[in-house]
Amino acid sequence: MNTLRTICVSEFLQLVNETLRLIPSQEFVVEGEISDFRIAQDKWISFDLKDEKEEAVLKCFMTTWQLRTQIEDGMRVQVRGTPKVYERYGQFKMNVQEVEPVGEGALKRAYELLKKKLEQEGLFDVSRKRSLPRFPKRIGLITSRDAAAYGDFLKILNNRWGGVSVLHLNVHVQGMEAVSDLLGAFLYFNEMSDTERPDVLVLTRGGGGLEDLHAFNDESVARAVFSSKIPVVCGVGHERDESLCDFVADIRASTPSNAAERSVPNREEVRYEIEMMCRHSEERLLDQLSQRSLIVERATNVIGRVISQQNERLKHLRQSFFDVTHVWAPTLFDQIEGFEKILRQLDPKRVLARGYGIVTANGQVLKDVSQLEIGAVVGVQLAKGSFESYVTKKENS
């Protein structure tokens, strides 16, 4: 006993941790049942992992942002992490990086808990769901190239509509890499420029159990669908299958084929709509022409009647004018002749013809010699012609 070196507690615990780090694989996957599940300060998660029949207990520790699925006491899970002795408390714990439910019962319970949480946060609200463009030019397809869903989607898409550019990202749809692949796909499409970004994103895969659809029930994937700038169509599994991504997506499709049907219109239906629109337009045009023709015909009849009435009135007025002028025209002509005689008598030219003249100065007719000055220029108008003269002498009498 005396030959051993004495060390303090912290040194001993450090030695234990160093020994643990010497293990070739520092990460372990441990399966067990959760008990004493707790969350402190909305940040730190602690729980015990125990065997069902044995009394062995493994204390576990993780953070809330590492937890991507809902768990509770009694749920059977697999945890991935590294063992560590916390020197402050002298406790051996598993430092957990990831938790996944195990078994149909645990997966279903985790699904129900997470579904309730997301529903309370409003991720399923119908009011926030967006409509799809009627005629998309580009569709972003997120699925596995090896899955039957990939072929089914493209087949239905091409049968229904043409000219659509499909941007496909090949991803794992189940397994350890599925979640990170799906998150990367949404990030890739949403970071595209406006000119390259698809008009619609389609997230799809074939059917399966809860374990197969686990990636589509992952909280981070559901939130990626919710946060997408691009409208999302989700068609996972068969009609009876459902995933959290189905509830969060803008459009929920029952199958991959239905996802294609919901994404683009049917060319036959569009052709029928166009034919009906043309027919309705033609009918409306003919109806409008018929109405306009009727209006023109009525207007023409009214104008014709008005013109006829005005012609009759004009004839009547003309006849009345002729009748009246026949009576008073001779009298008028006699009066005109009388006026002409008077005017001829008063015509100044008749006076000028007898040898008189009209003298003007500055444009005015002179009546008094006092209006003149010696040397002034005056104009004299005779019966025939006129001349100018200088005043050399004037007499007032």
Protein backbone atom coordinates (compact mmCIF):
# COMPACT_ATOMS: atom_id res chain seq x y z
CA MET A 1 0.00 0.00 0.00
CA ASN A 2 2.79 2.38 0.93
CA THR A 3 4.53 1.77 -2.42
CA LEU A 4 1.65 3.41 -4.40
CA ARG A 5 1.77 7.13 -5.20
CA THR A 6 -0.89 9.13 -3.47
CA ILE A 7 -2.87 11.49 -5.73
CA CYS A 8 -5.70 13.93 -5.11
CA VAL A 9 -9.27 13.45 -6.24
CA SER A 10 -9.03 15.80 -9.27
CA GLU A 11 -5.91 14.04 -10.47
CA PHE A 12 -7.63 10.70 -10.15
CA LEU A 13 -10.68 11.89 -12.13
CA GLN A 14 -8.43 13.42 -14.78
CA LEU A 15 -6.64 10.08 -15.04
CA VAL A 16 -9.96 8.32 -15.53
CA ASN A 17 -10.96 10.74 -18.34
CA GLU A 18 -7.57 10.32 -20.01
CA THR A 19 -8.04 6.56 -19.84
CA LEU A 20 -11.48 6.90 -21.44
CA ARG A 21 -10.01 8.98 -24.25
CA LEU A 22 -7.56 6.16 -25.01
CA ILE A 23 -10.47 3.99 -26.12
CA PRO A 24 -10.14 3.53 -29.93
CA SER A 25 -13.73 4.61 -30.62
CA GLN A 26 -14.59 7.49 -28.34
CA GLU A 27 -18.23 7.58 -29.46
CA PHE A 28 -20.73 4.93 -28.38
CA VAL A 29 -24.34 4.20 -29.21
CA VAL A 30 -26.21 3.01 -26.13
CA GLU A 31 -29.80 1.81 -26.05
CA GLY A 32 -32.04 1.99 -23.02
CA GLU A 33 -35.16 3.41 -21.41
CA ILE A 34 -35.40 7.06 -20.36
CA SER A 35 -36.17 7.98 -16.77
CA ASP A 36 -35.93 11.15 -14.66
CA PHE A 37 -36.02 13.38 -17.78
CA ARG A 38 -35.41 17.04 -16.89
CA ILE A 39 -34.80 20.39 -18.61
CA ALA A 40 -33.06 23.14 -16.67
CA GLN A 41 -33.16 26.83 -17.67
CA ASP A 42 -34.57 25.84 -21.10
CA LYS A 43 -31.00 24.91 -21.99
CA TRP A 44 -29.63 21.85 -20.19
CA ILE A 45 -31.15 18.37 -20.52
CA SER A 46 -30.42 15.51 -18.18
CA PHE A 47 -31.93 12.03 -17.96
CA ASP A 48 -31.09 8.49 -16.89
CA LEU A 49 -30.78 5.65 -19.34
CA LYS A 50 -31.50 2.27 -17.81
CA ASP A 51 -32.00 -1.32 -18.83
CA GLU A 52 -35.52 -2.66 -18.54
CA LYS A 53 -34.72 -5.79 -16.49
CA GLU A 54 -31.38 -4.91 -14.93
CA GLU A 55 -30.66 -2.16 -12.45
CA ALA A 56 -27.83 -0.59 -14.44
CA VAL A 57 -28.24 3.21 -14.88
CA LEU A 58 -26.30 5.56 -17.16
CA LYS A 59 -26.67 9.30 -16.51
CA CYS A 60 -26.84 11.39 -19.66
CA PHE A 61 -26.38 15.07 -20.39
CA MET A 62 -27.06 17.21 -23.50
CA THR A 63 -28.34 20.64 -24.60
CA THR A 64 -31.76 21.56 -25.92
CA TRP A 65 -30.45 22.51 -29.36
CA GLN A 66 -28.98 19.03 -29.77
CA LEU A 67 -32.40 17.47 -29.22
CA ARG A 68 -34.17 17.10 -32.57
CA THR A 69 -37.01 14.86 -31.41
CA GLN A 70 -39.32 14.93 -28.43
CA ILE A 71 -38.60 12.38 -25.67
CA GLU A 72 -40.09 11.58 -22.28
CA ASP A 73 -39.80 9.09 -19.43
CA GLY A 74 -40.47 5.50 -20.36
CA MET A 75 -39.43 5.95 -23.99
CA ARG A 76 -36.87 3.55 -25.42
CA VAL A 77 -34.10 5.37 -27.26
CA GLN A 78 -30.63 5.11 -28.66
CA VAL A 79 -28.15 7.79 -27.60
CA ARG A 80 -24.91 8.60 -29.37
CA GLY A 81 -22.18 10.26 -27.35
CA THR A 82 -18.92 10.06 -25.43
CA PRO A 83 -18.40 8.94 -21.81
CA LYS A 84 -16.95 11.43 -19.36
CA VAL A 85 -16.38 11.87 -15.63
CA TYR A 86 -17.41 15.36 -14.49
CA GLU A 87 -14.72 16.34 -12.01
CA ARG A 88 -16.85 18.91 -10.21
CA TYR A 89 -19.47 16.35 -9.23
CA GLY A 90 -17.44 13.17 -9.46
CA GLN A 91 -20.11 11.64 -11.67
CA PHE A 92 -19.74 9.42 -14.69
CA LYS A 93 -22.05 10.57 -17.50
CA MET A 94 -22.65 10.14 -21.19
CA ASN A 95 -22.15 13.42 -23.07
CA VAL A 96 -24.94 12.94 -25.64
CA GLN A 97 -24.87 14.40 -29.17
CA GLU A 98 -27.95 12.69 -30.61
CA VAL A 99 -31.05 10.84 -29.41
CA GLU A 100 -33.33 8.69 -31.53
CA PRO A 101 -36.42 6.78 -30.38
CA VAL A 102 -36.32 3.03 -30.89
CA GLY A 103 -39.29 0.87 -31.73
CA GLU A 104 -42.70 1.68 -33.19
CA GLY A 105 -44.17 2.74 -29.86
CA ALA A 106 -41.38 5.16 -28.98
CA LEU A 107 -41.29 6.63 -32.48
CA LYS A 108 -45.06 7.14 -32.48
CA ARG A 109 -44.98 8.81 -29.06
CA ALA A 110 -42.09 11.08 -30.11
CA TYR A 111 -44.01 11.93 -33.27
CA GLU A 112 -47.14 12.83 -31.31
CA LEU A 113 -45.22 15.01 -28.84
CA LEU A 114 -43.42 16.90 -31.57
CA LYS A 115 -46.59 17.28 -33.64
CA LYS A 116 -48.37 18.83 -30.67
CA LYS A 117 -45.46 21.20 -30.04
CA LEU A 118 -45.26 22.40 -33.64
CA GLU A 119 -49.02 22.77 -33.87
CA GLN A 120 -49.06 24.98 -30.77
CA GLU A 121 -46.33 27.14 -32.33
CA GLY A 122 -48.50 27.72 -35.41
CA LEU A 123 -46.44 25.81 -37.97
CA PHE A 124 -49.57 24.05 -39.25
CA ASP A 125 -51.75 27.17 -39.57
CA VAL A 126 -53.66 27.21 -42.86
CA SER A 127 -53.57 31.02 -42.98
CA ARG A 128 -49.80 31.05 -43.59
CA LYS A 129 -49.80 28.49 -46.38
CA ARG A 130 -48.97 29.86 -49.84
CA SER A 131 -50.56 29.02 -53.15
CA LEU A 132 -48.49 27.65 -56.02
CA PRO A 133 -47.93 29.43 -59.33
CA ARG A 134 -50.32 28.09 -61.98
CA PHE A 135 -47.58 27.55 -64.56
CA PRO A 136 -44.19 27.05 -62.83
CA LYS A 137 -41.07 27.35 -64.98
CA ARG A 138 -38.68 25.63 -62.56
CA ILE A 139 -39.30 22.94 -59.95
CA GLY A 140 -36.79 21.94 -57.29
CA LEU A 141 -37.06 18.20 -56.58
CA ILE A 142 -35.69 16.85 -53.29
CA THR A 143 -35.62 13.06 -53.21
CA SER A 144 -33.38 10.06 -53.80
CA ARG A 145 -32.47 9.27 -57.39
CA ASP A 146 -32.71 5.57 -56.56
CA ALA A 147 -36.22 5.81 -55.10
CA ALA A 148 -39.31 4.86 -57.09
CA ALA A 149 -40.75 8.24 -56.12
CA TYR A 150 -38.20 9.96 -58.38
CA GLY A 151 -39.33 8.09 -61.51
CA ASP A 152 -43.02 8.32 -60.64
CA PHE A 153 -42.81 12.08 -60.15
CA LEU A 154 -41.02 12.76 -63.45
CA LYS A 155 -43.33 10.44 -65.39
CA ILE A 156 -46.52 12.11 -64.16
CA LEU A 157 -44.97 15.57 -64.51
CA ASN A 158 -44.07 15.03 -68.18
CA ASN A 159 -47.43 13.43 -68.95
CA ARG A 160 -49.35 16.36 -67.49
CA TRP A 161 -47.28 19.33 -68.63
CA GLY A 162 -44.15 20.15 -70.62
CA GLY A 163 -41.45 22.77 -70.67
CA VAL A 164 -40.76 22.66 -66.93
CA SER A 165 -37.14 22.66 -65.81
CA VAL A 166 -36.59 20.18 -62.94
CA LEU A 167 -33.64 20.90 -60.64
CA HIS A 168 -33.02 17.65 -58.77
CA LEU A 169 -30.93 17.27 -55.61
CA ASN A 170 -30.13 13.66 -54.81
CA VAL A 171 -30.50 13.07 -51.05
CA HIS A 172 -30.81 10.21 -48.60
CA VAL A 173 -34.43 9.85 -47.54
CA GLN A 174 -33.73 7.58 -44.58
CA GLY A 175 -30.81 6.60 -42.41
CA MET A 176 -28.18 8.59 -40.53
CA GLU A 177 -27.44 11.00 -43.40
CA ALA A 178 -31.04 11.78 -44.33
CA VAL A 179 -31.62 14.74 -42.01
CA SER A 180 -28.41 16.56 -42.92
CA ASP A 181 -29.07 15.93 -46.64
CA LEU A 182 -32.57 17.34 -46.47
CA LEU A 183 -31.45 20.41 -44.51
CA GLY A 184 -28.66 20.99 -47.03
CA ALA A 185 -31.10 20.74 -49.94
CA PHE A 186 -33.43 23.38 -48.52
CA LEU A 187 -30.48 25.64 -47.76
CA TYR A 188 -29.13 25.21 -51.31
CA PHE A 189 -32.39 26.07 -53.07
CA ASN A 190 -33.29 28.99 -50.80
CA GLU A 191 -29.87 30.61 -51.22
CA MET A 192 -30.20 30.69 -55.00
CA SER A 193 -30.60 34.05 -56.73
CA ASP A 194 -34.07 35.19 -57.75
CA THR A 195 -33.35 34.41 -61.40
CA GLU A 196 -32.24 30.81 -60.67
CA ARG A 197 -34.49 29.93 -57.74
CA PRO A 198 -37.25 27.36 -58.44
CA ASP A 199 -40.88 28.44 -58.35
CA VAL A 200 -41.83 25.33 -56.35
CA LEU A 201 -39.98 22.84 -54.13
CA VAL A 202 -41.18 19.23 -54.07
CA LEU A 203 -40.14 17.04 -51.13
CA THR A 204 -41.05 13.42 -51.74
CA ARG A 205 -40.29 9.77 -51.11
CA GLY A 206 -42.06 6.42 -51.07
CA GLY A 207 -44.01 4.94 -48.18
CA GLY A 208 -42.80 3.21 -45.04
CA GLY A 209 -43.16 2.95 -41.30
CA LEU A 210 -42.35 5.61 -38.72
CA GLU A 211 -38.75 4.49 -38.64
CA ASP A 212 -38.45 4.82 -42.43
CA LEU A 213 -40.06 8.27 -42.36
CA HIS A 214 -38.06 9.42 -39.35
CA ALA A 215 -36.15 12.13 -41.29
CA PHE A 216 -39.46 13.68 -42.43
CA ASN A 217 -40.60 13.81 -38.80
CA ASP A 218 -37.41 15.50 -37.66
CA GLU A 219 -38.00 18.89 -36.03
CA SER A 220 -35.19 20.66 -37.86
CA VAL A 221 -36.44 19.40 -41.24
CA ALA A 222 -40.01 20.46 -40.43
CA ARG A 223 -38.76 23.93 -39.50
CA ALA A 224 -36.74 24.09 -42.72
CA VAL A 225 -39.94 23.43 -44.68
CA PHE A 226 -41.73 26.09 -42.64
CA SER A 227 -38.97 28.69 -43.19
CA SER A 228 -38.55 28.05 -46.92
CA LYS A 229 -38.81 31.14 -49.12
CA ILE A 230 -40.12 28.88 -51.88
CA PRO A 231 -43.58 27.24 -51.65
CA VAL A 232 -43.22 23.55 -50.73
CA VAL A 233 -45.20 20.54 -51.93
CA CYS A 234 -44.69 17.49 -49.73
CA GLY A 235 -45.67 14.05 -50.98
CA VAL A 236 -44.36 11.38 -48.62
CA GLY A 237 -45.40 7.76 -48.73
CA HIS A 238 -48.85 6.46 -49.56
CA GLU A 239 -52.23 8.01 -48.85
CA ARG A 240 -52.36 6.55 -45.34
CA ASP A 241 -48.87 7.81 -44.45
CA GLU A 242 -48.37 11.18 -42.83
CA SER A 243 -45.35 13.13 -41.67
CA LEU A 244 -44.74 16.41 -39.91
CA CYS A 245 -43.40 17.83 -43.17
CA ASP A 246 -46.82 17.10 -44.72
CA PHE A 247 -48.54 19.30 -42.14
CA VAL A 248 -46.00 22.12 -42.40
CA ALA A 249 -45.79 22.21 -46.22
CA ASP A 250 -47.86 24.66 -48.24
CA ILE A 251 -49.40 21.81 -50.25
CA ARG A 252 -49.80 18.28 -48.93
CA ALA A 253 -49.82 15.55 -51.57
CA SER A 254 -50.91 12.00 -50.84
CA THR A 255 -48.21 10.31 -52.97
CA PRO A 256 -45.19 11.27 -55.11
CA SER A 257 -47.42 11.01 -58.20
CA ASN A 258 -49.98 13.28 -56.57
CA ALA A 259 -47.15 15.74 -55.79
CA ALA A 260 -46.54 16.01 -59.54
CA GLU A 261 -50.27 16.46 -60.14
CA ARG A 262 -50.44 19.25 -57.56
CA SER A 263 -47.35 21.01 -58.96
CA VAL A 264 -48.35 21.49 -62.61
CA PRO A 265 -51.68 21.70 -64.48
CA ASN A 266 -53.03 19.08 -66.84
CA ARG A 267 -52.48 20.10 -70.45
CA GLU A 268 -55.82 18.61 -71.48
CA GLU A 269 -57.62 20.61 -68.81
CA VAL A 270 -55.78 23.77 -69.87
CA ARG A 271 -56.65 23.10 -73.52
CA TYR A 272 -60.29 22.63 -72.54
CA GLU A 273 -60.21 25.86 -70.51
CA ILE A 274 -58.73 27.75 -73.46
CA GLU A 275 -61.38 26.32 -75.81
CA MET A 276 -64.13 27.29 -73.39
CA MET A 277 -62.66 30.77 -72.97
CA CYS A 278 -62.51 31.19 -76.75
CA ARG A 279 -66.08 29.93 -77.09
CA HIS A 280 -67.34 32.23 -74.35
CA SER A 281 -65.41 35.15 -75.87
CA GLU A 282 -66.89 34.41 -79.30
CA GLU A 283 -70.39 34.16 -77.85
CA ARG A 284 -69.96 37.40 -75.96
CA LEU A 285 -68.56 39.10 -79.06
CA LEU A 286 -71.47 37.93 -81.20
CA ASP A 287 -73.89 39.00 -78.50
CA GLN A 288 -72.24 42.42 -78.31
CA LEU A 289 -72.33 42.75 -82.10
CA SER A 290 -75.98 41.78 -82.12
CA GLN A 291 -76.76 44.35 -79.46
CA ARG A 292 -74.73 47.02 -81.27
CA SER A 293 -76.47 46.18 -84.57
CA LEU A 294 -79.84 46.52 -82.88
CA ILE A 295 -78.80 49.89 -81.42
CA VAL A 296 -77.53 51.08 -84.83
CA GLU A 297 -80.76 49.93 -86.49
CA ARG A 298 -82.87 51.74 -83.92
CA ALA A 299 -80.71 54.86 -84.21
CA THR A 300 -80.97 54.75 -88.00
CA ASN A 301 -84.76 54.50 -87.81
CA VAL A 302 -84.94 57.40 -85.37
CA ILE A 303 -82.60 59.55 -87.48
CA GLY A 304 -84.59 58.69 -90.62
CA ARG A 305 -87.82 59.77 -88.94
CA VAL A 306 -86.22 63.00 -87.70
CA ILE A 307 -84.85 63.80 -91.18
CA SER A 308 -88.22 63.08 -92.76
CA GLN A 309 -89.95 65.32 -90.25
CA GLN A 310 -87.42 68.11 -90.82
CA ASN A 311 -87.84 67.81 -94.61
CA GLU A 312 -91.58 68.16 -94.25
CA ARG A 313 -91.11 71.14 -91.97
CA LEU A 314 -88.67 72.74 -94.41
CA LYS A 315 -91.15 72.30 -97.27
CA HIS A 316 -93.85 73.89 -95.16
CA LEU A 317 -91.62 76.82 -94.20
CA ARG A 318 -90.55 77.35 -97.81
CA GLN A 319 -94.13 77.37 -99.01
CA SER A 320 -95.10 79.72 -96.20
CA PHE A 321 -92.21 82.00 -97.14
CA PHE A 322 -93.29 82.06 -100.79
CA ASP A 323 -96.88 82.78 -99.81
CA VAL A 324 -95.92 85.65 -97.54
CA THR A 325 -93.35 87.19 -99.89
CA HIS A 326 -95.98 87.19 -102.70
CA VAL A 327 -98.04 89.55 -100.58
CA TRP A 328 -95.49 91.98 -99.16
CA ALA A 329 -92.73 91.84 -101.83
CA PRO A 330 -94.34 94.44 -104.21
CA THR A 331 -94.85 96.88 -101.34
CA LEU A 332 -91.27 96.38 -100.24
CA PHE A 333 -89.95 97.02 -103.74
CA ASP A 334 -91.98 100.26 -103.97
CA GLN A 335 -90.54 101.42 -100.66
CA ILE A 336 -87.02 100.63 -101.82
CA GLU A 337 -87.52 102.69 -105.01
CA GLY A 338 -88.73 105.60 -102.88
CA PHE A 339 -85.71 105.39 -100.64
CA GLU A 340 -83.45 105.26 -103.66
CA LYS A 341 -84.96 108.49 -105.04
CA ILE A 342 -84.43 110.23 -101.70
CA LEU A 343 -80.85 109.03 -101.50
CA ARG A 344 -80.15 110.21 -105.04
CA GLN A 345 -81.43 113.63 -104.11
CA LEU A 346 -79.18 113.74 -101.07
CA ASP A 347 -76.14 112.38 -102.89
CA PRO A 348 -73.26 114.96 -102.52
CA LYS A 349 -72.05 114.08 -105.96
CA ARG A 350 -75.16 115.70 -107.47
CA VAL A 351 -74.13 118.97 -105.76
CA LEU A 352 -70.54 118.63 -106.98
CA ALA A 353 -71.87 118.14 -110.52
CA ARG A 354 -73.24 121.68 -110.37
CA GLY A 355 -69.72 123.10 -109.85
CA TYR A 356 -69.29 122.89 -106.14
CA GLY A 357 -66.33 121.35 -104.31
CA ILE A 358 -65.65 119.78 -100.89
CA VAL A 359 -62.65 121.22 -99.08
CA THR A 360 -60.87 119.11 -96.46
CA ALA A 361 -57.93 119.65 -94.16
CA ASN A 362 -56.40 116.92 -92.05
CA GLY A 363 -59.13 114.56 -93.12
CA GLN A 364 -61.97 116.84 -91.97
CA VAL A 365 -64.48 118.71 -94.11
CA LEU A 366 -64.05 122.48 -93.68
CA LYS A 367 -67.12 124.57 -92.95
CA ASP A 368 -65.50 127.73 -91.51
CA VAL A 369 -62.53 129.68 -92.85
CA SER A 370 -61.37 130.20 -89.28
CA GLN A 371 -60.30 126.56 -89.31
CA LEU A 372 -57.53 127.47 -91.80
CA GLU A 373 -54.18 129.11 -91.49
CA ILE A 374 -52.30 130.94 -94.26
CA GLY A 375 -50.02 128.40 -95.98
CA ALA A 376 -52.08 125.40 -94.93
CA VAL A 377 -52.56 122.57 -97.40
CA VAL A 378 -56.15 121.76 -98.25
CA GLY A 379 -57.71 119.10 -100.42
CA VAL A 380 -60.49 119.90 -102.88
CA GLN A 381 -62.89 117.20 -104.12
CA LEU A 382 -64.72 118.00 -107.38
CA ALA A 383 -67.36 116.04 -109.22
CA LYS A 384 -64.58 114.54 -111.29
CA GLY A 385 -61.24 114.26 -109.56
CA SER A 386 -59.53 116.14 -106.71
CA PHE A 387 -56.47 118.35 -106.10
CA GLU A 388 -54.49 120.00 -103.27
CA SER A 389 -53.94 123.73 -102.77
CA TYR A 390 -52.15 126.20 -100.48
CA VAL A 391 -54.05 128.87 -98.62
CA THR A 392 -52.59 132.24 -99.62
CA LYS A 393 -55.44 134.44 -98.45
CA LYS A 394 -58.62 134.07 -96.42
CA GLU A 395 -61.68 136.21 -95.80
CA ASN A 396 -64.03 135.75 -92.90
CA SER A 397 -67.10 137.21 -94.61
